[in-house]
């Protein structure tokens, strides 16, 4: 399951004599080349490589990117209300003039027009433009937050697999060790050196380890599926953490410094503030709907007609001639009453603004709470790793002492089984505590907005 990228050396002592032929030497060289070739492909993928796969294949991240691209268009749409508006239209008509069902004249006429409108005084459009800018910035902050969440999801899934592998390896080792103890108890019973209770106790302990091993296998399969759902492919091998992976306290250790940093850089809080600003500008735009709306309007119309006679009798002097009409105006529109919809929209917009303000306050308080909790969590995990490492060393020493006592008769089978269980549980706890520390540190950095791919690369560089 795990391949540690250590420098293993194979020392082979050859006794070269006159009977070694060229064929045997060739086989030996091919054997060494094969070992080197296989070891190249057994290199596990590290966290950086898994993260790069997630950037390409994670559907949640790609959905967040699509939302960001959609959110960027708010600024463009808001700005469009302040820019000129140009439109063109055209038509062609077939006309028939009849008297008593008799066609007197029939002809074709064409009409083309262009209209240019430039807002001159439109407060509603101005606030809509500012609303669009705020929504675009909110989309940027939300996408940055989703990128950080992707890093945490990838790291959590990665270390969940490693943790499941460690747990399964410990469960297999425990099953094997207690299996040997069970076999030894049966032999002792057969020669009259042990009671039947010893056999039953070891058998019961062995059955429990089998159940535990099966459970760990299912847990590993589930963890692998979780990672696969993110990166889009099955990952066979993963690089583990180095044994000397550094565990350190948050820097700076002062919690208030982290809170201050988070209030400035937390992306969820930034997004909420921009949403609040957007709601404010939307309310102001609604208030401006009762103000005068002044536009500069220009219109150009060209038309031609093949009408031969007016009324079928008077000759048309403009037959086939293109006519050009141009109009320039300053257009003023003052909305006075629209059935109450303008006032209702204004009240609705200010209610949405009040909601956005309260949501921003809640997000700010939640940010402070999360930063303080994550900061304390990292300190707790540092202490936990230290304690678990010491507990593992103590469990190893206790098992050695129990084994010696069992051999001399001062300890019984139950004591030995308990010592073995405590050792393997200590191994699982220690491995799990290191992964929990890493995730806690990533969450702390994410809560203050400082988490970036470099953090995952730094962790990846400390893998085997």
Protein backbone atom coordinates (compact mmCIF):
# COMPACT_ATOMS: atom_id res chain seq x y z
CA UNK A 1 0.00 0.00 0.00
CA UNK A 2 2.77 2.43 0.78
CA UNK A 3 6.17 2.86 -0.75
CA UNK A 4 8.74 4.82 1.17
CA UNK A 5 11.16 6.54 -1.17
CA UNK A 6 14.26 5.68 0.73
CA UNK A 7 17.61 4.77 -0.64
CA UNK A 8 17.73 1.04 -0.28
CA UNK A 9 20.93 -0.67 -1.16
CA UNK A 10 21.33 -4.31 -2.08
CA UNK A 11 24.62 -5.72 -1.04
CA UNK A 12 25.38 -8.94 -2.80
CA UNK A 13 28.52 -10.83 -2.12
CA UNK A 14 29.64 -12.74 -5.12
CA UNK A 15 32.21 -15.40 -5.11
CA UNK A 16 33.68 -15.11 -8.53
CA UNK A 17 35.55 -18.13 -9.62
CA UNK A 18 36.69 -19.68 -12.78
CA UNK A 19 33.41 -21.56 -13.20
CA UNK A 20 31.17 -18.43 -13.53
CA UNK A 21 30.37 -18.15 -17.19
CA UNK A 22 29.20 -15.21 -19.25
CA UNK A 23 25.59 -16.44 -19.38
CA UNK A 24 25.16 -16.37 -15.61
CA UNK A 25 26.67 -12.89 -15.41
CA UNK A 26 24.23 -11.64 -18.07
CA UNK A 27 21.24 -13.02 -16.14
CA UNK A 28 22.42 -11.32 -12.99
CA UNK A 29 22.75 -7.93 -14.75
CA UNK A 30 19.25 -8.28 -16.23
CA UNK A 31 17.92 -9.06 -12.75
CA UNK A 32 19.43 -5.87 -11.32
CA UNK A 33 18.06 -3.79 -14.20
CA UNK A 34 14.58 -5.26 -13.65
CA UNK A 35 14.67 -4.35 -9.97
CA UNK A 36 15.65 -0.78 -10.84
CA UNK A 37 12.92 -0.54 -13.51
CA UNK A 38 10.16 -1.80 -11.19
CA UNK A 39 11.17 0.50 -8.32
CA UNK A 40 10.82 3.48 -10.66
CA UNK A 41 7.14 2.71 -11.22
CA UNK A 42 6.42 2.06 -7.54
CA UNK A 43 6.87 5.68 -6.60
CA UNK A 44 3.76 7.00 -4.87
CA UNK A 45 2.05 10.21 -5.95
CA UNK A 46 2.56 13.02 -3.49
CA UNK A 47 0.14 15.70 -2.35
CA UNK A 48 1.26 18.22 -4.97
CA UNK A 49 0.57 15.79 -7.81
CA UNK A 50 -2.84 14.90 -6.41
CA UNK A 51 -3.70 18.60 -6.11
CA UNK A 52 -2.74 19.19 -9.75
CA UNK A 53 -5.11 16.38 -10.75
CA UNK A 54 -7.87 17.98 -8.69
CA UNK A 55 -7.36 21.32 -10.45
CA UNK A 56 -8.13 19.59 -13.73
CA UNK A 57 -10.83 17.13 -12.70
CA UNK A 58 -12.62 18.28 -9.54
CA UNK A 59 -16.24 19.03 -10.57
CA UNK A 60 -16.88 21.27 -7.56
CA UNK A 61 -13.92 23.49 -8.41
CA UNK A 62 -14.92 23.65 -12.06
CA UNK A 63 -18.46 24.61 -11.05
CA UNK A 64 -17.04 27.34 -8.80
CA UNK A 65 -14.94 28.59 -11.71
CA UNK A 66 -18.05 28.76 -13.91
CA UNK A 67 -19.85 30.74 -11.19
CA UNK A 68 -16.90 33.12 -11.06
CA UNK A 69 -16.97 33.65 -14.83
CA UNK A 70 -20.69 34.35 -14.61
CA UNK A 71 -20.18 36.76 -11.71
CA UNK A 72 -17.56 38.76 -13.62
CA UNK A 73 -20.21 39.76 -16.15
CA UNK A 74 -22.09 41.83 -13.54
CA UNK A 75 -19.57 44.63 -13.89
CA UNK A 76 -19.85 44.65 -17.69
CA UNK A 77 -23.63 44.64 -17.56
CA UNK A 78 -23.73 47.46 -15.03
CA UNK A 79 -21.31 49.56 -17.08
CA UNK A 80 -23.39 49.10 -20.23
CA UNK A 81 -26.12 51.32 -18.76
CA UNK A 82 -23.74 54.31 -18.88
CA UNK A 83 -22.51 53.74 -22.42
CA UNK A 84 -24.16 54.64 -25.74
CA UNK A 85 -26.92 52.41 -27.01
CA UNK A 86 -27.05 51.96 -30.78
CA UNK A 87 -29.77 50.12 -32.66
CA UNK A 88 -30.73 49.74 -36.31
CA UNK A 89 -33.92 48.54 -37.91
CA UNK A 90 -35.27 48.11 -41.39
CA UNK A 91 -38.33 47.01 -43.29
CA UNK A 92 -39.53 46.41 -46.82
CA UNK A 93 -43.19 46.56 -47.78
CA UNK A 94 -45.25 45.57 -50.82
CA UNK A 95 -48.18 47.92 -51.33
CA UNK A 96 -51.31 47.59 -53.53
CA UNK A 97 -53.80 50.41 -54.16
CA UNK A 98 -57.23 49.15 -55.30
CA UNK A 99 -60.47 50.82 -56.37
CA UNK A 100 -63.49 48.52 -56.79
CA UNK A 101 -61.17 45.50 -56.67
CA UNK A 102 -59.16 46.98 -59.51
CA UNK A 103 -55.45 47.55 -58.91
CA UNK A 104 -54.66 51.18 -59.60
CA UNK A 105 -51.08 51.16 -58.30
CA UNK A 106 -48.72 48.60 -56.79
CA UNK A 107 -45.22 49.30 -55.55
CA UNK A 108 -42.47 48.42 -53.11
CA UNK A 109 -41.21 50.74 -50.32
CA UNK A 110 -38.16 50.37 -48.08
CA UNK A 111 -37.33 51.94 -44.75
CA UNK A 112 -34.06 51.93 -42.77
CA UNK A 113 -33.38 53.68 -39.49
CA UNK A 114 -30.65 53.98 -36.85
CA UNK A 115 -31.02 55.22 -33.28
CA UNK A 116 -28.26 56.33 -30.90
CA UNK A 117 -29.01 57.00 -27.24
CA UNK A 118 -26.48 58.35 -24.74
CA UNK A 119 -27.52 58.61 -21.07
CA UNK A 120 -26.81 62.12 -19.82
CA UNK A 121 -28.26 62.07 -16.31
CA UNK A 122 -29.26 58.61 -15.07
CA UNK A 123 -28.63 58.08 -11.36
CA UNK A 124 -30.30 54.68 -11.48
CA UNK A 125 -27.82 53.50 -14.12
CA UNK A 126 -24.89 54.86 -12.09
CA UNK A 127 -25.85 52.91 -8.97
CA UNK A 128 -26.49 49.81 -11.07
CA UNK A 129 -22.93 50.15 -12.38
CA UNK A 130 -21.56 50.33 -8.83
CA UNK A 131 -23.72 47.33 -7.91
CA UNK A 132 -22.22 45.35 -10.79
CA UNK A 133 -18.68 46.17 -9.64
CA UNK A 134 -19.46 45.02 -6.10
CA UNK A 135 -20.99 41.76 -7.35
CA UNK A 136 -17.93 41.05 -9.50
CA UNK A 137 -15.61 41.56 -6.53
CA UNK A 138 -17.86 39.31 -4.46
CA UNK A 139 -17.59 36.61 -7.13
CA UNK A 140 -13.79 36.92 -7.05
CA UNK A 141 -13.70 36.53 -3.27
CA UNK A 142 -16.10 33.58 -3.38
CA UNK A 143 -13.99 31.81 -6.00
CA UNK A 144 -10.85 32.37 -3.92
CA UNK A 145 -12.67 30.81 -0.96
CA UNK A 146 -13.70 27.82 -3.08
CA UNK A 147 -10.09 27.36 -4.18
CA UNK A 148 -9.01 27.20 -0.54
CA UNK A 149 -11.80 24.74 0.21
CA UNK A 150 -10.53 22.59 -2.67
CA UNK A 151 -7.06 22.50 -1.12
CA UNK A 152 -8.52 21.40 2.21
CA UNK A 153 -10.76 18.79 0.57
CA UNK A 154 -7.82 17.36 -1.38
CA UNK A 155 -5.56 17.26 1.67
CA UNK A 156 -8.31 15.76 3.84
CA UNK A 157 -9.07 13.05 1.27
CA UNK A 158 -5.35 12.37 0.76
CA UNK A 159 -4.55 11.98 4.44
CA UNK A 160 -7.78 10.08 5.04
CA UNK A 161 -6.45 7.43 2.65
CA UNK A 162 -3.05 7.41 4.38
CA UNK A 163 -4.73 7.18 7.77
CA UNK A 164 -6.86 4.27 6.56
CA UNK A 165 -3.75 2.53 5.23
CA UNK A 166 -1.97 2.98 8.56
CA UNK A 167 -5.00 1.66 10.41
CA UNK A 168 -5.26 -1.36 8.11
CA UNK A 169 -1.55 -2.15 8.44
CA UNK A 170 -1.83 -1.98 12.22
CA UNK A 171 -4.95 -4.17 12.13
CA UNK A 172 -3.18 -6.77 9.98
CA UNK A 173 -0.14 -6.75 12.24
CA UNK A 174 -2.39 -7.09 15.29
CA UNK A 175 -4.27 -9.97 13.65
CA UNK A 176 -1.02 -11.71 12.83
CA UNK A 177 0.45 -11.21 16.32
CA UNK A 178 -2.66 -12.40 18.15
CA UNK A 179 -2.96 -15.28 15.68
CA UNK A 180 0.49 -16.44 16.75
CA UNK A 181 -0.56 -16.05 20.37
CA UNK A 182 -3.66 -18.13 19.67
CA UNK A 183 -1.62 -20.90 18.06
CA UNK A 184 0.83 -20.85 20.96
CA UNK A 185 -2.03 -21.13 23.47
CA UNK A 186 -3.40 -24.17 21.64
CA UNK A 187 -0.02 -25.89 21.73
CA UNK A 188 0.40 -25.09 25.42
CA UNK A 189 -3.06 -26.51 26.07
CA UNK A 190 -2.28 -29.67 24.11
CA UNK A 191 0.77 -30.39 26.27
CA UNK A 192 -1.02 -29.47 29.50
CA UNK A 193 0.79 -26.18 30.15
CA UNK A 194 -2.29 -23.95 29.79
CA UNK A 195 -5.97 -24.03 30.68
CA UNK A 196 -8.78 -24.06 28.14
CA UNK A 197 -9.70 -20.52 29.18
CA UNK A 198 -6.41 -19.28 27.74
CA UNK A 199 -7.29 -20.86 24.38
CA UNK A 200 -10.78 -19.33 24.47
CA UNK A 201 -9.49 -15.89 25.38
CA UNK A 202 -6.94 -15.85 22.58
CA UNK A 203 -9.51 -17.17 20.11
CA UNK A 204 -11.99 -14.45 21.08
CA UNK A 205 -9.27 -11.79 20.77
CA UNK A 206 -8.27 -13.16 17.38
CA UNK A 207 -11.87 -13.10 16.11
CA UNK A 208 -12.16 -9.46 17.12
CA UNK A 209 -8.99 -8.58 15.22
CA UNK A 210 -10.42 -10.25 12.11
CA UNK A 211 -13.54 -8.12 12.39
CA UNK A 212 -11.38 -5.03 12.93
CA UNK A 213 -9.27 -5.83 9.87
CA UNK A 214 -12.35 -6.27 7.67
CA UNK A 215 -13.72 -2.98 8.96
CA UNK A 216 -10.42 -1.23 8.19
CA UNK A 217 -10.44 -2.63 4.67
CA UNK A 218 -13.91 -1.20 4.08
CA UNK A 219 -12.77 2.10 5.55
CA UNK A 220 -9.80 2.21 3.17
CA UNK A 221 -12.01 1.43 0.18
CA UNK A 222 -14.36 4.27 1.15
CA UNK A 223 -11.42 6.67 1.62
CA UNK A 224 -10.04 5.79 -1.81
CA UNK A 225 -13.44 6.38 -3.39
CA UNK A 226 -13.57 9.79 -1.72
CA UNK A 227 -10.22 10.74 -3.25
CA UNK A 228 -11.21 9.33 -6.63
CA UNK A 229 -14.37 11.47 -6.68
CA UNK A 230 -12.16 14.56 -6.45
CA UNK A 231 -9.32 13.75 -8.85
CA UNK A 232 -11.35 11.66 -11.31
CA UNK A 233 -9.10 8.59 -11.38
CA UNK A 234 -7.99 5.72 -9.17
CA UNK A 235 -4.79 6.38 -7.27
CA UNK A 236 -2.79 3.22 -6.57
CA UNK A 237 0.07 4.55 -4.46
CA UNK A 238 0.43 7.59 -2.23
CA UNK A 239 3.58 9.01 -0.71
CA UNK A 240 3.51 8.96 3.12
CA UNK A 241 4.79 11.60 5.51
CA UNK A 242 8.37 11.42 6.64
CA UNK A 243 8.91 10.16 10.15
CA UNK A 244 10.61 13.43 11.11
CA UNK A 245 7.77 15.62 9.77
CA UNK A 246 8.00 18.89 11.71
CA UNK A 247 5.16 19.71 14.08
CA UNK A 248 5.14 23.34 15.21
CA UNK A 249 2.87 25.81 16.96
CA UNK A 250 1.13 28.63 15.05
CA UNK A 251 3.37 31.56 14.26
CA UNK A 252 2.62 34.07 15.72
CA UNK A 253 1.30 32.37 18.81
CA UNK A 254 -0.85 35.39 19.74
CA UNK A 255 -4.45 34.56 18.80
CA UNK A 256 -5.56 38.18 18.39
CA UNK A 257 -2.98 38.68 15.65
CA UNK A 258 -4.62 35.89 13.66
CA UNK A 259 -8.06 37.42 14.26
CA UNK A 260 -6.87 40.80 12.99
CA UNK A 261 -5.40 39.19 9.89
CA UNK A 262 -8.57 37.19 9.28
CA UNK A 263 -10.85 40.23 9.50
CA UNK A 264 -8.83 41.77 6.67
CA UNK A 265 -8.30 38.77 4.42
CA UNK A 266 -10.98 36.14 5.06
CA UNK A 267 -12.58 35.56 1.65
CA UNK A 268 -16.03 34.63 2.95
CA UNK A 269 -16.13 37.88 4.91
CA UNK A 270 -14.93 39.83 1.86
CA UNK A 271 -17.65 38.26 -0.26
CA UNK A 272 -20.31 39.12 2.33
CA UNK A 273 -19.14 42.75 2.50
CA UNK A 274 -19.26 43.10 -1.29
CA UNK A 275 -22.74 41.55 -1.30
CA UNK A 276 -23.77 44.14 1.29
CA UNK A 277 -22.36 46.96 -0.88
CA UNK A 278 -24.17 45.58 -3.92
CA UNK A 279 -27.46 45.55 -1.99
CA UNK A 280 -26.82 49.13 -0.88
CA UNK A 281 -26.25 50.34 -4.45
CA UNK A 282 -29.32 48.42 -5.61
CA UNK A 283 -31.41 50.23 -2.98
CA UNK A 284 -30.03 53.58 -4.11
CA UNK A 285 -30.82 52.71 -7.72
CA UNK A 286 -34.41 51.98 -6.72
CA UNK A 287 -34.60 55.33 -4.91
CA UNK A 288 -33.40 57.07 -8.08
CA UNK A 289 -36.26 55.69 -10.17
CA UNK A 290 -38.35 58.79 -9.33
CA UNK A 291 -35.63 61.18 -10.49
CA UNK A 292 -35.58 62.73 -13.98
CA UNK A 293 -33.97 60.61 -16.69
CA UNK A 294 -32.14 62.66 -19.30
CA UNK A 295 -30.83 61.11 -22.53
CA UNK A 296 -29.36 62.45 -25.76
CA UNK A 297 -31.10 60.80 -28.68
CA UNK A 298 -30.14 60.82 -32.36
CA UNK A 299 -32.14 59.13 -35.10
CA UNK A 300 -31.46 58.72 -38.83
CA UNK A 301 -34.14 57.36 -41.18
CA UNK A 302 -33.82 56.57 -44.89
CA UNK A 303 -36.70 55.45 -47.10
CA UNK A 304 -37.47 54.83 -50.75
CA UNK A 305 -40.79 54.26 -52.50
CA UNK A 306 -41.77 53.06 -55.97
CA UNK A 307 -45.24 54.57 -55.64
CA UNK A 308 -46.25 55.84 -59.04
CA UNK A 309 -49.36 57.94 -58.33
CA UNK A 310 -51.05 59.33 -55.24
CA UNK A 311 -54.60 58.00 -55.15
CA UNK A 312 -54.00 56.48 -58.52
CA UNK A 313 -54.27 59.88 -60.27
CA UNK A 314 -51.56 62.36 -59.11
CA UNK A 315 -48.05 61.59 -60.28
CA UNK A 316 -45.53 60.98 -57.41
CA UNK A 317 -42.63 63.39 -57.82
CA UNK A 318 -40.48 61.39 -55.32
CA UNK A 319 -40.75 58.15 -57.25
CA UNK A 320 -37.69 55.98 -56.49
CA UNK A 321 -35.84 58.78 -54.70
CA UNK A 322 -34.17 58.02 -51.31
CA UNK A 323 -35.36 60.29 -48.54
CA UNK A 324 -33.08 61.04 -45.55
CA UNK A 325 -34.49 62.27 -42.22
CA UNK A 326 -32.31 63.13 -39.21
CA UNK A 327 -33.46 63.98 -35.69
CA UNK A 328 -31.43 65.11 -32.65
CA UNK A 329 -33.05 65.56 -29.27
CA UNK A 330 -32.54 65.83 -25.53
CA UNK A 331 -35.11 63.50 -24.04
CA UNK A 332 -36.37 64.00 -20.48
CA UNK A 333 -38.50 61.40 -18.71
CA UNK A 334 -39.90 61.92 -15.19
CA UNK A 335 -41.62 58.83 -13.70
CA UNK A 336 -44.54 60.09 -11.59
CA UNK A 337 -46.74 57.13 -10.85
CA UNK A 338 -46.52 53.49 -11.94
CA UNK A 339 -49.26 51.90 -9.87
CA UNK A 340 -47.05 51.80 -6.76
CA UNK A 341 -44.45 49.44 -8.27
CA UNK A 342 -41.58 51.93 -7.98
CA UNK A 343 -42.20 52.58 -4.28
CA UNK A 344 -42.66 48.86 -3.65
CA UNK A 345 -39.39 48.03 -5.43
CA UNK A 346 -37.63 50.68 -3.30
CA UNK A 347 -38.94 49.20 -0.05
CA UNK A 348 -37.98 45.73 -1.21
CA UNK A 349 -34.46 46.84 -2.12
CA UNK A 350 -33.88 48.44 1.29
CA UNK A 351 -35.19 45.31 3.03
CA UNK A 352 -32.66 43.25 1.04
CA UNK A 353 -29.97 45.72 2.07
CA UNK A 354 -30.88 45.30 5.75
CA UNK A 355 -30.69 41.52 5.31
CA UNK A 356 -27.26 41.79 3.67
CA UNK A 357 -26.00 43.96 6.54
CA UNK A 358 -27.11 41.43 9.14
CA UNK A 359 -25.60 38.56 7.18
CA UNK A 360 -22.30 40.44 7.04
CA UNK A 361 -22.36 40.90 10.82
CA UNK A 362 -23.05 37.19 11.26
CA UNK A 363 -20.23 36.25 8.86
CA UNK A 364 -17.81 38.51 10.71
CA UNK A 365 -18.67 36.96 14.06
CA UNK A 366 -18.45 33.47 12.58
CA UNK A 367 -15.04 34.32 11.14
CA UNK A 368 -13.75 35.43 14.52
CA UNK A 369 -15.14 32.28 16.12
CA UNK A 370 -13.59 30.01 13.48
CA UNK A 371 -10.18 31.67 13.71
CA UNK A 372 -10.08 31.36 17.49
CA UNK A 373 -11.30 27.77 17.34
CA UNK A 374 -8.82 26.78 14.61
CA UNK A 375 -5.95 28.51 16.41
CA UNK A 376 -6.71 26.60 19.59
CA UNK A 377 -7.20 23.45 17.52
CA UNK A 378 -3.68 23.64 16.09
CA UNK A 379 -2.20 24.03 19.57
CA UNK A 380 -4.27 21.08 20.75
CA UNK A 381 -3.10 18.93 17.85
CA UNK A 382 0.55 19.80 18.51
CA UNK A 383 0.14 18.62 22.09
CA UNK A 384 -1.79 15.60 20.86
CA UNK A 385 0.99 14.53 18.48
CA UNK A 386 3.58 14.85 21.24
CA UNK A 387 1.46 12.87 23.68
CA UNK A 388 0.62 10.17 21.13
CA UNK A 389 4.28 9.75 20.23
CA UNK A 390 5.17 9.31 23.87
CA UNK A 391 2.24 6.93 24.36
CA UNK A 392 3.50 4.83 21.46
CA UNK A 393 6.95 4.59 23.01
CA UNK A 394 5.38 3.66 26.35
CA UNK A 395 3.19 1.01 24.73
CA UNK A 396 6.23 -0.55 23.05
CA UNK A 397 8.10 -0.68 26.36
CA UNK A 398 5.04 -2.04 28.15
CA UNK A 399 4.62 -4.82 25.58
CA UNK A 400 8.27 -5.85 25.93
CA UNK A 401 7.95 -5.97 29.71
CA UNK A 402 4.70 -7.93 29.48
CA UNK A 403 6.23 -10.44 27.08
CA UNK A 404 9.13 -11.01 29.47
CA UNK A 405 6.70 -11.38 32.38
CA UNK A 406 4.58 -13.81 30.37
CA UNK A 407 7.62 -15.95 29.62
CA UNK A 408 8.62 -16.16 33.28
CA UNK A 409 5.03 -16.71 34.42
CA UNK A 410 4.38 -13.40 36.22
CA UNK A 411 1.92 -12.21 33.54
CA UNK A 412 -0.98 -14.10 32.02
CA UNK A 413 -2.46 -14.25 28.54
CA UNK A 414 -4.97 -11.48 29.18
CA UNK A 415 -2.16 -9.09 30.16
CA UNK A 416 -0.25 -9.91 26.99
CA UNK A 417 -3.30 -9.46 24.75
CA UNK A 418 -4.10 -6.13 26.37
CA UNK A 419 -0.54 -4.90 25.86
CA UNK A 420 -0.63 -5.89 22.21
CA UNK A 421 -3.95 -4.10 21.67
CA UNK A 422 -2.67 -0.98 23.37
CA UNK A 423 0.42 -0.97 21.15
CA UNK A 424 -1.48 -1.19 17.88
CA UNK A 425 -4.03 1.33 19.06
CA UNK A 426 -1.18 3.68 19.97
CA UNK A 427 0.24 3.25 16.47
CA UNK A 428 -3.10 4.18 14.92
CA UNK A 429 -3.58 7.15 17.24
CA UNK A 430 -0.12 8.53 16.55
CA UNK A 431 -0.50 8.28 12.78
CA UNK A 432 -3.94 9.87 12.91
CA UNK A 433 -2.77 12.73 15.14
CA UNK A 434 -0.16 13.85 12.59
CA UNK A 435 -2.75 14.02 9.80
CA UNK A 436 -5.20 15.87 12.04
CA UNK A 437 -2.49 18.42 12.84
CA UNK A 438 -1.89 19.15 9.16
CA UNK A 439 -5.59 19.62 8.41
CA UNK A 440 -5.97 21.85 11.47
CA UNK A 441 -3.10 24.06 10.30
CA UNK A 442 -4.59 24.30 6.79
CA UNK A 443 -7.96 25.29 8.20
CA UNK A 444 -6.36 27.97 10.35
CA UNK A 445 -4.62 29.47 7.34
CA UNK A 446 -7.82 29.29 5.28
CA UNK A 447 -9.79 31.09 8.00
CA UNK A 448 -7.41 34.07 7.77
CA UNK A 449 -7.24 33.96 3.96
CA UNK A 450 -3.55 33.05 3.74
CA UNK A 451 -3.84 29.45 2.49
CA UNK A 452 -2.31 29.01 -0.97
CA UNK A 453 -0.95 26.16 -3.15
CA UNK A 454 2.52 26.81 -1.76
CA UNK A 455 1.37 25.38 1.57
CA UNK A 456 0.44 22.08 -0.08
CA UNK A 457 3.72 22.06 -2.01
CA UNK A 458 5.62 22.61 1.27
CA UNK A 459 3.86 19.62 2.82
CA UNK A 460 4.46 17.56 -0.31
CA UNK A 461 8.19 18.29 -0.15
CA UNK A 462 8.27 16.70 3.30
CA UNK A 463 6.90 13.40 2.04
CA UNK A 464 8.88 10.32 1.27
